[in-house]
């Protein structure tokens, strides 16, 4: 039998965004899993410990101290949750247009 030792930590490896673009309403759900940080530095998924969930209407005006954008260097504390949703909405529109132009509508890449 292999013995595994390390430190138990919580992480949110998946984020689910349920978004209605017509009403700008929705929910963001962080699915929390407990991981074991093993002595070798690798993570082992142990079990699901719940969700953290917020309704968009409750968080749209919030900003978060997230440091700087790793690509552009922009100060992310100046972007609200509404700004993040605007970026996600535009990304969806751009990706759909790319897929339509390539004939791969609804493609997974």
N, C-alpha and C. Protein backbone atom coordinates (compact mmCIF):
# COMPACT_ATOMS: atom_id res chain seq x y z
N UNK A 1 0.83 -1.18 0.00
CA UNK A 1 0.00 0.00 0.00
C UNK A 1 0.88 1.25 0.00
N UNK A 2 0.58 2.19 -0.90
CA UNK A 2 1.34 3.43 -1.00
C UNK A 2 0.82 4.43 0.02
N UNK A 3 1.72 5.04 0.74
CA UNK A 3 1.32 6.05 1.71
C UNK A 3 1.54 7.42 1.09
N UNK A 4 0.51 8.27 1.18
CA UNK A 4 0.58 9.62 0.64
C UNK A 4 0.53 10.60 1.81
N UNK A 5 1.46 11.52 1.82
CA UNK A 5 1.44 12.53 2.87
C UNK A 5 1.52 13.90 2.22
N UNK A 6 1.09 14.90 2.96
CA UNK A 6 1.12 16.26 2.44
C UNK A 6 0.13 17.12 3.18
N UNK A 7 -0.19 18.27 2.58
CA UNK A 7 -1.06 19.26 3.21
C UNK A 7 -2.38 19.34 2.43
N UNK A 8 -3.51 19.27 3.14
CA UNK A 8 -4.83 19.40 2.50
C UNK A 8 -5.12 20.88 2.27
N UNK A 9 -5.51 21.22 1.04
CA UNK A 9 -5.87 22.60 0.71
C UNK A 9 -7.15 22.59 -0.12
N UNK A 10 -7.84 23.73 -0.16
CA UNK A 10 -9.03 23.89 -0.99
C UNK A 10 -8.65 24.66 -2.24
N UNK A 11 -9.24 24.24 -3.36
CA UNK A 11 -9.03 24.95 -4.62
C UNK A 11 -10.33 24.95 -5.39
N UNK A 12 -10.46 25.84 -6.33
CA UNK A 12 -11.65 25.91 -7.19
C UNK A 12 -11.22 25.63 -8.62
N UNK A 13 -11.11 24.35 -9.00
CA UNK A 13 -10.60 24.05 -10.33
C UNK A 13 -11.59 24.29 -11.45
N UNK A 14 -12.88 24.48 -11.12
CA UNK A 14 -13.83 24.76 -12.18
C UNK A 14 -14.73 25.91 -11.78
N UNK A 15 -15.04 26.72 -12.76
CA UNK A 15 -15.91 27.88 -12.56
C UNK A 15 -17.02 27.78 -13.59
N UNK A 16 -18.24 27.84 -13.13
CA UNK A 16 -19.41 27.76 -14.00
C UNK A 16 -20.08 29.13 -14.02
N UNK A 17 -20.28 29.66 -15.21
CA UNK A 17 -20.96 30.94 -15.34
C UNK A 17 -22.27 30.68 -16.08
N UNK A 18 -23.37 30.92 -15.40
CA UNK A 18 -24.69 30.82 -16.01
C UNK A 18 -25.12 32.24 -16.31
N UNK A 19 -25.18 32.60 -17.58
CA UNK A 19 -25.33 33.99 -17.98
C UNK A 19 -26.44 34.14 -19.01
N UNK A 20 -27.33 35.09 -18.80
CA UNK A 20 -28.36 35.44 -19.77
C UNK A 20 -27.94 36.77 -20.40
N UNK A 21 -27.41 36.74 -21.61
CA UNK A 21 -26.90 37.97 -22.22
C UNK A 21 -28.00 38.98 -22.56
N UNK A 22 -29.24 38.53 -22.64
CA UNK A 22 -30.32 39.44 -22.98
C UNK A 22 -30.73 40.30 -21.79
N UNK A 23 -30.63 39.72 -20.60
CA UNK A 23 -31.00 40.47 -19.41
C UNK A 23 -29.83 40.85 -18.54
N UNK A 24 -28.62 40.48 -18.99
CA UNK A 24 -27.40 40.70 -18.19
C UNK A 24 -27.58 40.19 -16.76
N UNK A 25 -28.16 39.02 -16.63
CA UNK A 25 -28.36 38.40 -15.33
C UNK A 25 -27.68 37.04 -15.34
N UNK A 26 -27.43 36.53 -14.16
CA UNK A 26 -26.84 35.21 -14.08
C UNK A 26 -26.20 34.94 -12.74
N UNK A 27 -25.45 33.86 -12.72
CA UNK A 27 -24.81 33.37 -11.50
C UNK A 27 -23.41 32.89 -11.84
N UNK A 28 -22.47 33.09 -10.92
CA UNK A 28 -21.14 32.51 -11.05
C UNK A 28 -20.97 31.51 -9.90
N UNK A 29 -20.50 30.33 -10.25
CA UNK A 29 -20.36 29.26 -9.27
C UNK A 29 -18.91 28.75 -9.32
N UNK A 30 -18.24 28.80 -8.18
CA UNK A 30 -16.90 28.24 -8.05
C UNK A 30 -17.07 26.87 -7.39
N UNK A 31 -16.72 25.82 -8.09
CA UNK A 31 -16.83 24.47 -7.52
C UNK A 31 -15.55 24.18 -6.75
N UNK A 32 -15.72 23.99 -5.45
CA UNK A 32 -14.56 23.79 -4.58
C UNK A 32 -14.26 22.31 -4.39
N UNK A 33 -13.03 21.98 -4.58
CA UNK A 33 -12.55 20.62 -4.35
C UNK A 33 -11.42 20.70 -3.33
N UNK A 34 -11.29 19.68 -2.56
CA UNK A 34 -10.18 19.60 -1.62
C UNK A 34 -9.09 18.78 -2.30
N UNK A 35 -7.90 19.31 -2.25
CA UNK A 35 -6.73 18.66 -2.85
C UNK A 35 -5.71 18.39 -1.78
N UNK A 36 -4.92 17.40 -2.02
CA UNK A 36 -3.78 17.10 -1.16
C UNK A 36 -2.54 17.57 -1.91
N UNK A 37 -1.84 18.54 -1.33
CA UNK A 37 -0.56 18.97 -1.90
C UNK A 37 0.47 17.98 -1.39
N UNK A 38 0.90 17.12 -2.29
CA UNK A 38 1.80 16.04 -1.90
C UNK A 38 3.22 16.54 -1.70
N UNK A 39 3.99 15.75 -1.01
CA UNK A 39 5.37 16.11 -0.72
C UNK A 39 6.20 16.37 -1.98
N UNK A 40 5.80 15.73 -3.11
CA UNK A 40 6.54 15.91 -4.36
C UNK A 40 6.09 17.15 -5.13
N UNK A 41 5.13 17.93 -4.55
CA UNK A 41 4.67 19.15 -5.19
C UNK A 41 3.47 18.96 -6.11
N UNK A 42 3.07 17.73 -6.33
CA UNK A 42 1.90 17.44 -7.17
C UNK A 42 0.63 17.51 -6.34
N UNK A 43 -0.50 17.79 -7.01
CA UNK A 43 -1.80 17.85 -6.34
C UNK A 43 -2.59 16.59 -6.64
N UNK A 44 -3.25 16.07 -5.61
CA UNK A 44 -4.12 14.90 -5.73
C UNK A 44 -5.52 15.33 -5.31
N UNK A 45 -6.50 15.20 -6.25
CA UNK A 45 -7.88 15.59 -5.93
C UNK A 45 -8.43 14.59 -4.93
N UNK A 46 -8.96 15.10 -3.80
CA UNK A 46 -9.46 14.23 -2.73
C UNK A 46 -10.97 14.13 -2.79
N UNK A 47 -11.68 15.26 -2.65
CA UNK A 47 -13.14 15.23 -2.69
C UNK A 47 -13.70 16.63 -2.89
N UNK A 48 -14.97 16.68 -3.28
CA UNK A 48 -15.64 17.96 -3.47
C UNK A 48 -16.17 18.44 -2.12
N UNK A 49 -15.96 19.73 -1.83
CA UNK A 49 -16.36 20.26 -0.53
C UNK A 49 -17.44 21.33 -0.63
N UNK A 50 -17.97 21.56 -1.82
CA UNK A 50 -19.05 22.52 -1.95
C UNK A 50 -18.81 23.54 -3.03
N UNK A 51 -19.64 24.58 -2.99
CA UNK A 51 -19.57 25.66 -3.98
C UNK A 51 -19.55 27.00 -3.28
N UNK A 52 -18.99 27.99 -3.95
CA UNK A 52 -19.18 29.39 -3.59
C UNK A 52 -19.94 29.97 -4.77
N UNK A 53 -21.08 30.57 -4.49
CA UNK A 53 -21.97 31.04 -5.56
C UNK A 53 -22.40 32.47 -5.30
N UNK A 54 -22.43 33.27 -6.37
CA UNK A 54 -22.88 34.66 -6.27
C UNK A 54 -23.77 34.99 -7.46
N UNK A 55 -24.81 35.76 -7.21
CA UNK A 55 -25.67 36.27 -8.26
C UNK A 55 -25.03 37.53 -8.83
N UNK A 56 -25.08 37.69 -10.14
CA UNK A 56 -24.46 38.86 -10.77
C UNK A 56 -24.98 40.17 -10.20
N UNK A 57 -26.27 40.22 -9.92
CA UNK A 57 -26.83 41.48 -9.42
C UNK A 57 -26.20 41.91 -8.10
N UNK A 58 -25.65 40.96 -7.36
CA UNK A 58 -25.02 41.27 -6.07
C UNK A 58 -23.56 41.70 -6.20
N UNK A 59 -22.92 41.39 -7.33
CA UNK A 59 -21.48 41.64 -7.42
C UNK A 59 -21.06 42.57 -8.56
N UNK A 60 -21.97 42.99 -9.42
CA UNK A 60 -21.58 43.73 -10.62
C UNK A 60 -20.80 45.00 -10.34
N UNK A 61 -21.05 45.66 -9.24
CA UNK A 61 -20.33 46.91 -8.96
C UNK A 61 -19.05 46.68 -8.16
N UNK A 62 -18.78 45.44 -7.79
CA UNK A 62 -17.58 45.14 -7.01
C UNK A 62 -16.32 45.16 -7.87
N UNK A 63 -15.24 45.56 -7.25
CA UNK A 63 -13.91 45.40 -7.84
C UNK A 63 -13.11 44.52 -6.89
N UNK A 64 -12.02 43.96 -7.40
CA UNK A 64 -11.23 43.01 -6.61
C UNK A 64 -9.75 43.34 -6.75
N UNK A 65 -9.03 43.20 -5.68
CA UNK A 65 -7.58 43.45 -5.69
C UNK A 65 -6.89 42.23 -6.31
N UNK A 66 -6.84 42.21 -7.64
CA UNK A 66 -6.31 41.05 -8.36
C UNK A 66 -4.93 41.31 -8.97
N UNK A 67 -4.32 42.41 -8.60
CA UNK A 67 -2.99 42.70 -9.14
C UNK A 67 -3.09 43.26 -10.56
N UNK A 68 -2.07 42.99 -11.34
CA UNK A 68 -2.00 43.49 -12.71
C UNK A 68 -2.27 42.37 -13.70
N UNK A 69 -2.84 42.74 -14.85
CA UNK A 69 -3.06 41.78 -15.93
C UNK A 69 -1.71 41.24 -16.38
N UNK A 70 -1.54 39.92 -16.44
CA UNK A 70 -0.23 39.36 -16.79
C UNK A 70 0.19 39.62 -18.24
N UNK A 71 -0.74 40.00 -19.11
CA UNK A 71 -0.41 40.25 -20.51
C UNK A 71 -0.24 41.74 -20.78
N UNK A 72 -1.22 42.55 -20.33
CA UNK A 72 -1.19 43.98 -20.67
C UNK A 72 -0.60 44.86 -19.58
N UNK A 73 -0.53 44.34 -18.35
CA UNK A 73 -0.03 45.13 -17.24
C UNK A 73 -1.07 46.06 -16.64
N UNK A 74 -2.32 46.02 -17.16
CA UNK A 74 -3.38 46.89 -16.65
C UNK A 74 -3.69 46.55 -15.20
N UNK A 75 -4.05 47.55 -14.43
CA UNK A 75 -4.41 47.39 -13.02
C UNK A 75 -5.81 46.79 -12.93
N UNK A 76 -5.91 45.53 -12.55
CA UNK A 76 -7.19 44.83 -12.53
C UNK A 76 -8.11 45.30 -11.41
N UNK A 77 -7.58 46.03 -10.44
CA UNK A 77 -8.45 46.56 -9.38
C UNK A 77 -9.37 47.65 -9.92
N UNK A 78 -9.12 48.12 -11.13
CA UNK A 78 -9.95 49.14 -11.76
C UNK A 78 -11.05 48.55 -12.64
N UNK A 79 -11.16 47.22 -12.68
CA UNK A 79 -12.17 46.55 -13.50
C UNK A 79 -13.22 45.96 -12.58
N UNK A 80 -14.47 46.30 -12.81
CA UNK A 80 -15.57 45.76 -12.00
C UNK A 80 -15.99 44.38 -12.51
N UNK A 81 -16.80 43.70 -11.73
CA UNK A 81 -17.36 42.43 -12.18
C UNK A 81 -18.18 42.64 -13.46
N UNK A 82 -18.84 43.78 -13.58
CA UNK A 82 -19.58 44.09 -14.81
C UNK A 82 -18.62 44.19 -16.00
N UNK A 83 -17.43 44.75 -15.77
CA UNK A 83 -16.42 44.82 -16.82
C UNK A 83 -15.93 43.45 -17.24
N UNK A 84 -15.75 42.56 -16.27
CA UNK A 84 -15.34 41.19 -16.57
C UNK A 84 -16.41 40.51 -17.42
N UNK A 85 -17.69 40.71 -17.06
CA UNK A 85 -18.77 40.10 -17.83
C UNK A 85 -18.84 40.68 -19.24
N UNK A 86 -18.55 41.96 -19.40
CA UNK A 86 -18.52 42.56 -20.73
C UNK A 86 -17.43 41.92 -21.58
N UNK A 87 -16.28 41.62 -20.97
CA UNK A 87 -15.19 40.96 -21.68
C UNK A 87 -15.61 39.55 -22.08
N UNK A 88 -16.23 38.81 -21.16
CA UNK A 88 -16.66 37.44 -21.45
C UNK A 88 -17.71 37.44 -22.56
N UNK A 89 -18.65 38.38 -22.49
CA UNK A 89 -19.69 38.48 -23.52
C UNK A 89 -19.06 38.77 -24.88
N UNK A 90 -18.10 39.70 -24.93
CA UNK A 90 -17.45 40.02 -26.20
C UNK A 90 -16.62 38.84 -26.71
N UNK A 91 -15.96 38.12 -25.79
CA UNK A 91 -15.19 36.95 -26.20
C UNK A 91 -16.10 35.92 -26.85
N UNK A 92 -17.28 35.69 -26.27
CA UNK A 92 -18.22 34.74 -26.85
C UNK A 92 -18.62 35.18 -28.25
N UNK A 93 -18.95 36.46 -28.41
CA UNK A 93 -19.35 36.95 -29.73
C UNK A 93 -18.21 36.79 -30.74
N UNK A 94 -16.98 37.10 -30.34
CA UNK A 94 -15.83 36.97 -31.23
C UNK A 94 -15.59 35.50 -31.60
N UNK A 95 -15.66 34.60 -30.61
CA UNK A 95 -15.42 33.18 -30.88
C UNK A 95 -16.51 32.60 -31.79
N UNK A 96 -17.77 33.02 -31.57
CA UNK A 96 -18.84 32.55 -32.44
C UNK A 96 -18.63 33.04 -33.87
N UNK A 97 -18.22 34.29 -34.03
CA UNK A 97 -17.96 34.83 -35.36
C UNK A 97 -16.80 34.08 -36.04
N UNK A 98 -15.75 33.77 -35.28
CA UNK A 98 -14.63 32.99 -35.83
C UNK A 98 -15.09 31.62 -36.30
N UNK A 99 -15.90 30.96 -35.46
CA UNK A 99 -16.39 29.62 -35.81
C UNK A 99 -17.28 29.65 -37.05
N UNK A 100 -18.17 30.66 -37.10
CA UNK A 100 -19.04 30.79 -38.27
C UNK A 100 -18.23 31.04 -39.53
N UNK A 101 -17.21 31.89 -39.44
CA UNK A 101 -16.38 32.21 -40.60
C UNK A 101 -15.59 31.00 -41.07
N UNK A 102 -15.23 30.11 -40.15
CA UNK A 102 -14.44 28.93 -40.52
C UNK A 102 -15.33 27.74 -40.86
N UNK A 103 -16.65 27.92 -40.71
CA UNK A 103 -17.56 26.82 -40.98
C UNK A 103 -17.64 25.80 -39.86
N UNK A 104 -17.14 26.15 -38.69
CA UNK A 104 -17.11 25.24 -37.54
C UNK A 104 -17.99 25.76 -36.41
N UNK A 105 -19.22 26.16 -36.74
CA UNK A 105 -20.10 26.73 -35.73
C UNK A 105 -20.28 25.77 -34.57
N UNK A 106 -20.09 26.28 -33.33
CA UNK A 106 -20.22 25.45 -32.14
C UNK A 106 -19.03 24.54 -31.91
N UNK A 107 -17.91 24.85 -32.55
CA UNK A 107 -16.72 24.00 -32.44
C UNK A 107 -16.08 24.09 -31.07
N UNK A 108 -15.45 23.01 -30.67
CA UNK A 108 -14.66 22.98 -29.45
C UNK A 108 -13.21 22.97 -29.86
N UNK A 109 -12.43 23.91 -29.33
CA UNK A 109 -11.00 23.96 -29.68
C UNK A 109 -10.17 23.86 -28.45
